[in-house]
Amino acid sequence: MLKLNSILMIILFGACLFGSIPTGMEYKKIKKQLPGTSRSMFKQANTYLKKKQYIHAKKLYDRIIKRQENFYAYWGYAWSEWQLDNNKNARALFYKAFNINDSLYSFLNNYAEFARQIETDWSVIRRIANAMYRCKNNDDALLLILDHVVKPNDEREALKFFKELRKAYPDNPNINVYYAILLCDIGKSEDAVAQVQSVIDIAADPFHLKMIERILANNGYLIDAARVCDNLGRLAKNSAYTYDAWGHLEFKQGHYENAAIYYQKALHFDYSKQILMTLARLYHFYLNDPRKAIYYSKAALQIDRSIADAYFIMAESARKSGNLDKAFRYSISQLELLPEHPHPHYYHGKLLYEKKLYREAIPYLEKAVAISPDVQRYRLVLAKCYGGAGLLNKASQTYKNFLNEPLKDLWTEEEMLREDPPKPK
């Protein structure tokens, strides 16, 4: 199951802020704030930025700074160095600009995007996020913090940030929501539930309410989750957020047909790959309707050809329908997208094993074992293929007891991807 933070990235992540010139630094917008003696150089530097001639631009910004330190010159210089991949210089220049002006949101947003691209010290991340949240109490600063939670030490730093921010802004529910997402992702689900329970009746943003429903329903607090859905219905009756939340709640209760109805309604307001793939999974894993599973997977692929899960669902749906040739084609597409992931190789090998094409299956299963040598089942199926191909020595070296170890259901792993509804609390 995807972490909540992963889901959040899927929902919120947009294009990076790369381009010829960052928002908020256009010459016409900042002209009156520039010293008269340097305006012509700023104007020329802007022209260079628009033409992506960053080397010429940075030289002008350097000349301006040598005359007199200037926030916009440091920002333009930093941007130019970033575009030229001189990140060490860009880091120092962004920091200097920040020390001069930490209250211009367009700059802070740009600085945050740069911080996402490089390894950045937590003291800097906290300063940027605090400044962003002080300017606008929106989600951007909170998402910046979650983006930097990679290692165990990062979790500690992020927890510290949210605790301090919540004290500073006790009436802002979005802090509780993002704090709860972090807590869920590090295994502190009950603490996360407590965070969102405290803001059920004051949260007024549909997205926040949807995430609150996710946290509550995922942890079995179905009655509280229903309250959230009711609040969403009053706030945004006919919206993707509301239908999505109700769909998720029905799913968590095991009411899969009802869930599909709600998700189909959500599609009318948000025809997105996320909702299409949710429907594809519903029809594949829970409603046993391969035709619809393939339909929604193909619809998602029309939006984004790189959705590996869609090819997997289509391959599995085709296999279950007895069409192994189609399953092979879809499986190959999944392999092309995930060449270094063991399961697509293992899955493709199993399809060949099913047709008793043992020698053709061996390279795929060998790849799966090479990537994940500790997975016993990968080695067992590979040994069975070696045996089927007459390579008995290789078979016994790969899995000593391959003759006596029963394979049981070849497709067990695929069925294990189904989720069980949580116990109500």
Protein backbone atom coordinates (compact mmCIF):
# COMPACT_ATOMS: atom_id res chain seq x y z
CA MET A 1 0.00 0.00 0.00
CA LEU A 2 1.31 3.48 -0.80
CA LYS A 3 2.31 5.70 2.08
CA LEU A 4 0.10 8.73 2.61
CA ASN A 5 3.04 10.95 1.75
CA SER A 6 3.44 9.09 -1.57
CA ILE A 7 -0.24 9.61 -2.28
CA LEU A 8 0.19 13.29 -1.45
CA MET A 9 3.05 13.61 -3.92
CA ILE A 10 0.90 12.06 -6.62
CA ILE A 11 -1.94 14.46 -5.86
CA LEU A 12 -0.01 17.68 -5.38
CA PHE A 13 3.28 17.45 -7.22
CA GLY A 14 3.41 19.72 -10.22
CA ALA A 15 6.05 20.70 -12.70
CA CYS A 16 9.29 22.11 -11.34
CA LEU A 17 9.66 25.84 -11.59
CA PHE A 18 12.20 25.71 -14.38
CA GLY A 19 12.02 28.19 -17.19
CA SER A 20 13.72 31.26 -18.54
CA ILE A 21 12.88 33.51 -15.58
CA PRO A 22 11.30 32.83 -12.19
CA THR A 23 7.92 34.31 -11.28
CA GLY A 24 8.31 37.54 -9.33
CA MET A 25 11.58 38.60 -10.88
CA GLU A 26 10.26 40.06 -14.14
CA TYR A 27 11.80 43.48 -14.78
CA LYS A 28 8.48 45.30 -15.27
CA LYS A 29 7.26 44.07 -11.87
CA ILE A 30 10.37 45.01 -9.89
CA LYS A 31 11.52 48.13 -11.78
CA LYS A 32 10.37 50.61 -9.11
CA GLN A 33 12.19 48.67 -6.39
CA LEU A 34 15.55 48.80 -8.19
CA PRO A 35 18.22 51.48 -7.76
CA GLY A 36 18.11 53.89 -10.69
CA THR A 37 21.81 53.45 -11.45
CA SER A 38 21.38 49.71 -12.04
CA ARG A 39 18.04 49.52 -13.82
CA SER A 40 19.52 49.29 -17.30
CA MET A 41 21.69 46.34 -16.25
CA PHE A 42 18.70 44.62 -14.61
CA LYS A 43 16.70 45.11 -17.78
CA GLN A 44 19.48 43.66 -19.90
CA ALA A 45 19.91 40.74 -17.48
CA ASN A 46 16.17 40.02 -17.77
CA THR A 47 16.55 39.92 -21.54
CA TYR A 48 19.39 37.42 -21.19
CA LEU A 49 17.27 35.27 -18.85
CA LYS A 50 14.38 35.22 -21.32
CA LYS A 51 16.82 34.05 -24.00
CA LYS A 52 18.28 31.50 -21.53
CA GLN A 53 21.69 33.11 -21.89
CA TYR A 54 22.48 32.54 -18.23
CA ILE A 55 26.24 33.10 -18.44
CA HIS A 56 25.70 36.67 -19.71
CA ALA A 57 22.97 37.27 -17.12
CA LYS A 58 25.08 36.19 -14.17
CA LYS A 59 27.93 38.46 -15.24
CA LEU A 60 25.59 41.46 -15.10
CA TYR A 61 24.22 40.44 -11.69
CA ASP A 62 27.78 40.10 -10.43
CA ARG A 63 28.57 43.66 -11.64
CA ILE A 64 25.46 45.01 -9.89
CA ILE A 65 26.39 43.33 -6.59
CA LYS A 66 29.94 44.70 -6.75
CA ARG A 67 28.43 48.20 -6.93
CA GLN A 68 25.92 47.58 -4.15
CA GLU A 69 24.35 44.50 -2.55
CA ASN A 70 20.85 43.96 -3.91
CA PHE A 71 18.28 41.27 -3.16
CA TYR A 72 17.07 40.90 -6.76
CA ALA A 73 20.64 40.74 -8.06
CA TYR A 74 21.47 37.90 -5.67
CA TRP A 75 18.26 36.10 -6.65
CA GLY A 76 18.92 36.52 -10.38
CA TYR A 77 22.53 35.44 -9.93
CA ALA A 78 21.41 32.36 -7.93
CA TRP A 79 18.81 31.45 -10.54
CA SER A 80 21.38 31.76 -13.35
CA GLU A 81 23.87 29.54 -11.54
CA TRP A 82 21.13 26.97 -10.84
CA GLN A 83 20.22 26.80 -14.53
CA LEU A 84 23.92 26.31 -15.31
CA ASP A 85 24.13 23.45 -12.74
CA ASN A 86 26.53 25.43 -10.59
CA ASN A 87 24.57 24.43 -7.50
CA LYS A 88 27.29 25.18 -4.97
CA ASN A 89 27.38 28.85 -6.04
CA ALA A 90 23.59 28.92 -6.39
CA ARG A 91 23.20 27.67 -2.81
CA ALA A 92 25.39 30.48 -1.41
CA LEU A 93 23.64 33.14 -3.51
CA PHE A 94 20.12 31.98 -2.58
CA TYR A 95 21.15 32.08 1.07
CA LYS A 96 22.44 35.66 0.72
CA ALA A 97 19.23 36.75 -0.98
CA PHE A 98 17.21 35.07 1.79
CA ASN A 99 19.15 36.93 4.49
CA ILE A 100 18.24 40.22 2.82
CA ASN A 101 14.56 39.44 2.16
CA ASP A 102 12.70 36.50 3.74
CA SER A 103 9.17 37.77 3.12
CA LEU A 104 8.72 37.69 -0.68
CA TYR A 105 6.67 34.56 -1.35
CA SER A 106 7.58 34.12 -5.01
CA PHE A 107 11.27 34.09 -4.04
CA LEU A 108 10.69 31.70 -1.14
CA ASN A 109 8.79 29.33 -3.40
CA ASN A 110 11.64 29.43 -5.91
CA TYR A 111 14.22 28.87 -3.15
CA ALA A 112 12.16 25.94 -1.85
CA GLU A 113 12.14 24.35 -5.30
CA PHE A 114 15.91 24.69 -5.46
CA ALA A 115 16.20 23.13 -1.99
CA ARG A 116 14.19 20.16 -3.26
CA GLN A 117 16.70 19.59 -6.03
CA ILE A 118 19.84 19.45 -3.90
CA GLU A 119 20.93 18.09 -0.53
CA THR A 120 20.04 20.86 1.90
CA ASP A 121 20.73 21.17 5.62
CA TRP A 122 17.66 20.95 7.85
CA SER A 123 18.43 24.30 9.47
CA VAL A 124 17.98 25.93 6.04
CA ILE A 125 14.87 23.88 5.20
CA ARG A 126 13.23 24.92 8.48
CA ARG A 127 14.06 28.59 7.88
CA ILE A 128 12.59 28.51 4.37
CA ALA A 129 9.46 26.64 5.50
CA ASN A 130 8.89 28.95 8.47
CA ALA A 131 9.24 32.00 6.25
CA MET A 132 6.87 30.54 3.66
CA TYR A 133 4.24 29.69 6.25
CA ARG A 134 4.56 33.13 7.84
CA CYS A 135 3.86 34.73 4.44
CA LYS A 136 0.98 32.42 3.52
CA ASN A 137 -0.56 29.85 5.83
CA ASN A 138 -1.02 27.44 2.92
CA ASP A 139 0.27 23.91 2.32
CA ASP A 140 3.46 24.68 0.38
CA ALA A 141 5.74 24.99 3.41
CA LEU A 142 4.31 21.84 4.98
CA LEU A 143 4.83 19.88 1.78
CA LEU A 144 8.44 21.13 1.62
CA ILE A 145 9.06 19.54 5.02
CA LEU A 146 7.50 16.22 4.01
CA ASP A 147 9.56 16.19 0.81
CA HIS A 148 12.75 16.11 2.88
CA VAL A 149 11.84 13.14 5.07
CA VAL A 150 14.08 10.45 3.63
CA LYS A 151 16.33 9.18 6.46
CA PRO A 152 15.48 8.42 10.14
CA ASN A 153 17.16 11.64 11.28
CA ASP A 154 14.90 13.55 8.89
CA GLU A 155 11.85 12.20 10.71
CA ARG A 156 13.08 13.69 13.97
CA GLU A 157 13.72 17.07 12.38
CA ALA A 158 10.31 17.10 10.67
CA LEU A 159 8.50 16.15 13.88
CA LYS A 160 10.27 18.99 15.66
CA PHE A 161 9.20 21.45 12.95
CA PHE A 162 5.52 20.46 13.11
CA LYS A 163 5.41 20.56 16.91
CA GLU A 164 6.87 24.08 16.93
CA LEU A 165 4.66 25.30 14.09
CA ARG A 166 1.53 23.95 15.75
CA LYS A 167 2.38 25.91 18.91
CA ALA A 168 2.87 29.07 16.86
CA TYR A 169 -0.36 28.61 14.86
CA PRO A 170 -2.75 26.58 17.06
CA ASP A 171 -5.85 27.44 15.01
CA ASN A 172 -4.59 26.31 11.58
CA PRO A 173 -5.91 22.81 10.79
CA ASN A 174 -3.65 22.20 7.80
CA ILE A 175 -0.71 21.83 10.21
CA ASN A 176 -2.50 18.97 11.97
CA VAL A 177 -3.30 17.30 8.65
CA TYR A 178 0.29 17.32 7.37
CA TYR A 179 1.65 16.46 10.80
CA ALA A 180 -0.69 13.45 10.78
CA ILE A 181 0.52 12.40 7.31
CA LEU A 182 4.07 12.38 8.65
CA LEU A 183 3.03 10.40 11.73
CA CYS A 184 1.27 7.80 9.57
CA ASP A 185 4.31 7.40 7.35
CA ILE A 186 6.63 6.74 10.31
CA GLY A 187 4.28 4.23 11.89
CA LYS A 188 2.61 6.39 14.55
CA SER A 189 -0.93 5.91 13.29
CA GLU A 190 -2.74 6.41 16.59
CA ASP A 191 -0.98 9.75 17.13
CA ALA A 192 -1.96 10.69 13.58
CA VAL A 193 -5.59 9.85 14.29
CA ALA A 194 -5.54 12.06 17.39
CA GLN A 195 -4.17 14.95 15.32
CA VAL A 196 -6.93 14.83 12.71
CA GLN A 197 -9.72 14.05 15.17
CA SER A 198 -9.01 17.40 16.82
CA VAL A 199 -9.72 19.32 13.60
CA ILE A 200 -12.64 17.39 12.06
CA ASP A 201 -15.11 20.19 12.78
CA ILE A 202 -12.87 23.17 11.99
CA ALA A 203 -11.20 22.01 8.77
CA ALA A 204 -12.80 23.83 5.84
CA ASP A 205 -10.58 22.92 2.90
CA PRO A 206 -11.96 20.00 0.83
CA PHE A 207 -8.51 18.57 0.20
CA HIS A 208 -7.66 18.62 3.90
CA LEU A 209 -10.96 16.92 4.73
CA LYS A 210 -10.27 14.24 2.14
CA MET A 211 -6.88 13.51 3.70
CA ILE A 212 -8.48 13.43 7.18
CA GLU A 213 -10.96 10.84 5.90
CA ARG A 214 -8.06 8.79 4.49
CA ILE A 215 -6.23 8.71 7.82
CA LEU A 216 -9.33 7.88 9.86
CA ALA A 217 -10.69 5.21 7.51
CA ASN A 218 -7.27 3.58 6.99
CA ASN A 219 -7.05 3.10 10.74
CA GLY A 220 -10.57 1.81 11.25
CA TYR A 221 -12.19 4.98 12.62
CA LEU A 222 -15.10 4.59 10.25
CA ILE A 223 -17.70 6.60 12.18
CA ASP A 224 -15.36 9.58 12.45
CA ALA A 225 -14.53 9.18 8.75
CA ALA A 226 -18.25 9.29 7.94
CA ARG A 227 -18.52 12.57 9.90
CA VAL A 228 -15.78 13.98 7.73
CA CYS A 229 -17.60 12.88 4.57
CA ASP A 230 -20.78 14.54 5.86
CA ASN A 231 -18.81 17.76 6.46
CA LEU A 232 -17.40 17.51 2.95
CA GLY A 233 -20.90 17.05 1.55
CA ARG A 234 -22.07 20.24 3.21
CA LEU A 235 -18.99 22.17 2.12
CA ALA A 236 -18.66 20.87 -1.46
CA LYS A 237 -21.64 18.66 -2.21
CA ASN A 238 -20.92 17.83 -5.84
CA SER A 239 -17.15 17.65 -6.01
CA ALA A 240 -14.43 15.10 -6.69
CA TYR A 241 -13.20 15.50 -3.10
CA THR A 242 -16.56 14.48 -1.65
CA TYR A 243 -17.21 11.53 -3.96
CA ASP A 244 -13.59 10.39 -3.63
CA ALA A 245 -13.83 10.43 0.18
CA TRP A 246 -17.13 8.53 0.19
CA GLY A 247 -15.68 6.04 -2.29
CA HIS A 248 -12.67 5.42 -0.08
CA LEU A 249 -14.82 5.01 3.02
CA GLU A 250 -17.09 2.50 1.26
CA PHE A 251 -14.00 0.64 0.06
CA LYS A 252 -12.61 0.45 3.59
CA GLN A 253 -15.88 -1.07 4.75
CA GLY A 254 -15.73 -3.71 2.03
CA HIS A 255 -18.63 -2.19 0.07
CA TYR A 256 -16.84 -2.42 -3.25
CA GLU A 257 -19.76 -1.86 -5.61
CA ASN A 258 -20.76 1.29 -3.70
CA ALA A 259 -17.14 2.44 -3.79
CA ALA A 260 -17.06 2.05 -7.58
CA ILE A 261 -20.24 4.13 -7.93
CA TYR A 262 -18.75 6.98 -5.89
CA TYR A 263 -15.42 6.90 -7.76
CA GLN A 264 -17.28 7.00 -11.08
CA LYS A 265 -19.08 10.12 -9.85
CA ALA A 266 -15.74 11.62 -8.81
CA LEU A 267 -14.51 11.12 -12.39
CA HIS A 268 -17.13 13.59 -13.64
CA PHE A 269 -15.35 16.33 -11.66
CA ASP A 270 -11.75 15.10 -11.81
CA TYR A 271 -10.92 12.90 -14.77
CA SER A 272 -7.52 11.97 -13.38
CA LYS A 273 -5.22 8.99 -13.69
CA GLN A 274 -5.39 8.50 -9.91
CA ILE A 275 -9.16 7.94 -9.87
CA LEU A 276 -9.05 5.89 -13.08
CA MET A 277 -6.44 3.58 -11.56
CA THR A 278 -8.44 3.29 -8.34
CA LEU A 279 -11.37 2.06 -10.41
CA ALA A 280 -9.10 -0.30 -12.34
CA ARG A 281 -7.86 -1.84 -9.08
CA LEU A 282 -11.39 -2.10 -7.71
CA TYR A 283 -12.67 -3.96 -10.75
CA HIS A 284 -9.59 -6.17 -10.94
CA PHE A 285 -9.02 -7.17 -7.32
CA TYR A 286 -12.46 -6.89 -5.77
CA LEU A 287 -15.26 -6.94 -8.34
CA ASN A 288 -13.79 -9.60 -10.66
CA ASP A 289 -14.59 -7.67 -13.82
CA PRO A 290 -11.52 -7.92 -16.12
CA ARG A 291 -13.22 -6.01 -18.93
CA LYS A 292 -13.76 -2.90 -16.79
CA ALA A 293 -10.35 -3.26 -15.15
CA ILE A 294 -8.73 -3.13 -18.59
CA TYR A 295 -10.99 -0.27 -19.69
CA TYR A 296 -10.01 1.99 -16.78
CA SER A 297 -6.33 1.01 -17.04
CA LYS A 298 -6.29 1.97 -20.71
CA ALA A 299 -8.02 5.25 -19.91
CA ALA A 300 -5.33 6.05 -17.32
CA LEU A 301 -2.62 5.22 -19.85
CA GLN A 302 -4.09 7.72 -22.29
CA ILE A 303 -3.22 10.37 -19.70
CA ASP A 304 0.16 8.92 -18.71
CA ARG A 305 1.84 6.11 -20.66
CA SER A 306 4.26 5.43 -17.79
CA ILE A 307 1.81 3.90 -15.28
CA ALA A 308 3.35 0.48 -14.66
CA ASP A 309 0.42 -0.64 -12.47
CA ALA A 310 -1.95 -0.20 -15.41
CA TYR A 311 0.05 -2.65 -17.53
CA PHE A 312 0.19 -5.10 -14.62
CA ILE A 313 -3.59 -4.97 -14.12
CA MET A 314 -4.18 -5.41 -17.85
CA ALA A 315 -1.76 -8.34 -17.95
CA GLU A 316 -3.40 -10.00 -14.95
CA SER A 317 -6.90 -9.35 -16.27
CA ALA A 318 -5.95 -10.87 -19.62
CA ARG A 319 -4.31 -13.86 -17.91
CA LYS A 320 -7.36 -14.50 -15.74
CA SER A 321 -9.51 -14.32 -18.87
CA GLY A 322 -7.33 -16.98 -20.48
CA ASN A 323 -5.66 -14.68 -23.02
CA LEU A 324 -1.97 -15.30 -22.32
CA ASP A 325 -0.83 -13.64 -25.57
CA LYS A 326 -2.32 -10.31 -24.47
CA ALA A 327 -0.91 -10.84 -20.99
CA PHE A 328 2.58 -11.23 -22.53
CA ARG A 329 2.26 -7.95 -24.43
CA TYR A 330 1.15 -5.99 -21.38
CA SER A 331 3.80 -7.65 -19.23
CA ILE A 332 6.54 -6.58 -21.64
CA SER A 333 5.37 -2.97 -21.35
CA GLN A 334 5.57 -3.24 -17.57
CA LEU A 335 9.10 -4.67 -17.84
CA GLU A 336 10.20 -1.75 -20.02
CA LEU A 337 8.99 0.71 -17.38
CA LEU A 338 10.51 -1.13 -14.41
CA PRO A 339 13.68 -2.81 -15.70
CA GLU A 340 15.35 -2.87 -12.26
CA HIS A 341 12.36 -4.02 -10.23
CA PRO A 342 12.29 -7.80 -9.54
CA HIS A 343 8.55 -8.44 -9.68
CA PRO A 344 7.94 -7.59 -13.38
CA HIS A 345 10.74 -10.04 -14.32
CA TYR A 346 9.31 -12.66 -11.98
CA TYR A 347 5.79 -12.10 -13.30
CA HIS A 348 6.88 -12.39 -16.94
CA GLY A 349 8.85 -15.53 -16.11
CA LYS A 350 5.74 -17.03 -14.52
CA LEU A 351 3.69 -16.34 -17.64
CA LEU A 352 6.25 -18.29 -19.67
CA TYR A 353 6.37 -21.02 -17.02
CA GLU A 354 2.58 -21.31 -17.27
CA LYS A 355 2.98 -22.12 -20.97
CA LYS A 356 5.81 -24.57 -20.16
CA LEU A 357 8.28 -22.38 -22.06
CA TYR A 358 10.91 -23.09 -19.44
CA ARG A 359 14.03 -22.00 -21.32
CA GLU A 360 12.41 -18.71 -22.35
CA ALA A 361 11.35 -18.10 -18.74
CA ILE A 362 14.79 -18.67 -17.23
CA PRO A 363 16.44 -15.28 -18.11
CA TYR A 364 13.55 -13.35 -16.57
CA LEU A 365 13.53 -15.39 -13.39
CA GLU A 366 17.33 -15.21 -13.16
CA LYS A 367 17.04 -11.42 -13.32
CA ALA A 368 14.44 -11.40 -10.53
CA VAL A 369 16.69 -13.58 -8.34
CA ALA A 370 19.73 -11.43 -9.13
CA ILE A 371 17.88 -8.31 -7.96
CA SER A 372 16.32 -9.98 -4.89
CA PRO A 373 18.34 -13.11 -4.04
CA ASP A 374 16.71 -13.55 -0.64
CA VAL A 375 13.19 -14.05 -1.95
CA GLN A 376 12.65 -17.79 -1.58
CA ARG A 377 9.73 -18.03 -4.00
CA TYR A 378 11.72 -16.40 -6.84
CA ARG A 379 14.39 -19.10 -6.44
CA LEU A 380 11.83 -21.91 -6.23
CA VAL A 381 10.12 -20.96 -9.50
CA LEU A 382 13.51 -20.52 -11.18
CA ALA A 383 14.56 -23.98 -9.95
CA LYS A 384 11.32 -25.45 -11.31
CA CYS A 385 12.13 -23.86 -14.70
CA TYR A 386 15.67 -25.26 -14.63
CA GLY A 387 14.16 -28.66 -13.87
CA GLY A 388 11.62 -28.36 -16.67
CA ALA A 389 14.43 -27.45 -19.06
CA GLY A 390 16.46 -30.48 -17.95
CA LEU A 391 19.11 -28.41 -16.09
CA LEU A 392 18.92 -30.47 -12.89
CA ASN A 393 22.28 -29.42 -11.44
CA LYS A 394 21.41 -25.76 -11.81
CA ALA A 395 18.00 -26.46 -10.33
CA SER A 396 19.39 -28.07 -7.18
CA GLN A 397 22.05 -25.35 -6.77
CA THR A 398 19.34 -22.70 -6.96
CA TYR A 399 16.90 -24.45 -4.62
CA LYS A 400 18.09 -27.73 -3.08
CA ASN A 401 14.64 -29.13 -2.34
CA PHE A 402 13.06 -28.05 -5.64
CA LEU A 403 11.75 -31.55 -6.44
CA ASN A 404 9.82 -31.97 -3.21
CA GLU A 405 8.80 -28.35 -2.51
CA PRO A 406 5.25 -27.87 -3.82
CA LEU A 407 4.68 -24.71 -5.84
CA LYS A 408 1.01 -24.50 -4.84
CA ASP A 409 -0.63 -21.44 -6.44
CA LEU A 410 1.70 -19.91 -9.00
CA TRP A 411 -0.15 -16.59 -8.79
CA THR A 412 -0.20 -16.15 -5.00
CA GLU A 413 1.74 -12.87 -5.08
CA GLU A 414 -0.82 -11.22 -7.31
CA GLU A 415 -3.67 -12.09 -4.96
CA MET A 416 -1.68 -10.76 -1.97
CA LEU A 417 -1.94 -7.25 -3.43
CA ARG A 418 -5.57 -7.11 -2.28
CA GLU A 419 -6.20 -5.03 0.85
CA ASP A 420 -8.31 -6.28 3.75
CA PRO A 421 -10.71 -3.73 5.29
CA PRO A 422 -9.53 -2.45 8.70
CA LYS A 423 -11.37 -3.46 11.85
CA PRO A 424 -13.77 -0.68 12.94
CA LYS A 425 -12.71 1.29 16.03
